[in-house]
């Protein structure tokens, strides 16, 4: 339940560590393109709500509001709740 962020520039590559929930968010003012290849021999189980709303540091509520199409007050409420560790 940790938030890891990385700003990518044209030509950069980022590999998500095994077992982490991931998302992309375009912080720029122009269109972005991403190529993703997903594969796993042992995907395991990750409780998405815990990882997303219980991350440390917290994911910006504006990002979650847009991603889940929720009211910002609901996102803030969910982030304030106790979340179980995924491990």
Protein backbone atom coordinates (compact mmCIF):
# COMPACT_ATOMS: atom_id res chain seq x y z
CA UNK A 1 0.00 0.00 0.00
CA UNK A 2 2.70 2.47 -1.06
CA UNK A 3 2.33 5.11 -3.72
CA UNK A 4 5.28 5.25 -6.10
CA UNK A 5 5.24 8.04 -8.68
CA UNK A 6 7.41 8.70 -11.72
CA UNK A 7 7.15 11.43 -14.34
CA UNK A 8 8.12 10.04 -17.73
CA UNK A 9 9.53 12.06 -20.59
CA UNK A 10 9.43 11.09 -24.28
CA UNK A 11 11.52 7.96 -24.79
CA UNK A 12 11.48 6.92 -21.12
CA UNK A 13 10.57 3.39 -20.06
CA UNK A 14 9.14 2.28 -16.72
CA UNK A 15 8.68 -1.28 -15.50
CA UNK A 16 6.12 -1.82 -12.76
CA UNK A 17 7.40 -4.06 -9.97
CA UNK A 18 5.67 -7.44 -9.64
CA UNK A 19 2.36 -7.40 -7.78
CA UNK A 20 1.78 -3.65 -7.74
CA UNK A 21 -1.45 -2.06 -8.87
CA UNK A 22 -0.60 0.59 -11.40
CA UNK A 23 -2.20 3.41 -13.30
CA UNK A 24 -1.14 6.12 -15.68
CA UNK A 25 -2.16 9.75 -15.38
CA UNK A 26 -1.28 12.38 -17.97
CA UNK A 27 -0.19 15.51 -16.08
CA UNK A 28 0.70 17.33 -19.30
CA UNK A 29 -1.38 19.54 -21.55
CA UNK A 30 -0.88 17.41 -24.65
CA UNK A 31 -1.99 13.91 -25.58
CA UNK A 32 0.14 11.02 -24.34
CA UNK A 33 0.72 7.53 -25.70
CA UNK A 34 1.56 4.47 -23.60
CA UNK A 35 2.40 0.95 -24.71
CA UNK A 36 1.80 -1.70 -22.06
CA UNK A 37 2.56 -5.38 -22.02
CA UNK A 38 1.08 -7.36 -19.16
CA UNK A 39 2.12 -10.85 -18.16
CA UNK A 40 2.34 -12.86 -14.99
CA UNK A 41 2.88 -16.50 -14.19
CA UNK A 42 1.67 -15.99 -10.62
CA UNK A 43 -0.63 -12.94 -10.40
CA UNK A 44 -1.56 -13.38 -6.73
CA UNK A 45 -4.30 -11.37 -5.06
CA UNK A 46 -4.28 -7.68 -4.27
CA UNK A 47 -7.24 -5.94 -2.68
CA UNK A 48 -7.58 -2.91 -4.91
CA UNK A 49 -9.56 -0.77 -2.45
CA UNK A 50 -6.84 -1.18 0.20
CA UNK A 51 -4.05 -0.43 -2.22
CA UNK A 52 -5.75 2.57 -3.82
CA UNK A 53 -7.54 4.27 -0.92
CA UNK A 54 -5.15 3.12 1.81
CA UNK A 55 -1.83 3.90 0.11
CA UNK A 56 0.98 5.62 1.96
CA UNK A 57 1.52 8.39 0.99
CA UNK A 58 -2.08 8.86 -0.12
CA UNK A 59 -2.90 9.15 -3.81
CA UNK A 60 -4.03 12.67 -4.67
CA UNK A 61 -7.84 12.80 -4.15
CA UNK A 62 -8.23 14.70 -7.44
CA UNK A 63 -6.72 11.74 -9.31
CA UNK A 64 -9.03 9.24 -7.57
CA UNK A 65 -12.05 11.50 -8.09
CA UNK A 66 -11.42 11.51 -11.83
CA UNK A 67 -10.43 7.83 -12.06
CA UNK A 68 -13.45 6.47 -10.18
CA UNK A 69 -15.88 9.26 -11.13
CA UNK A 70 -16.68 9.94 -7.47
CA UNK A 71 -17.35 13.09 -5.51
CA UNK A 72 -14.17 14.38 -3.84
CA UNK A 73 -15.86 14.15 -0.41
CA UNK A 74 -16.45 10.42 -0.94
CA UNK A 75 -12.81 9.89 -1.92
CA UNK A 76 -11.63 11.79 1.17
CA UNK A 77 -14.00 9.73 3.33
CA UNK A 78 -12.72 6.44 1.87
CA UNK A 79 -9.10 7.50 2.37
CA UNK A 80 -9.82 8.28 6.04
CA UNK A 81 -11.06 4.73 6.76
CA UNK A 82 -8.88 2.00 8.24
CA UNK A 83 -7.66 -0.35 5.51
CA UNK A 84 -6.18 -3.80 6.07
CA UNK A 85 -2.67 -4.51 4.90
CA UNK A 86 -2.52 -6.53 1.65
CA UNK A 87 0.41 -8.59 2.89
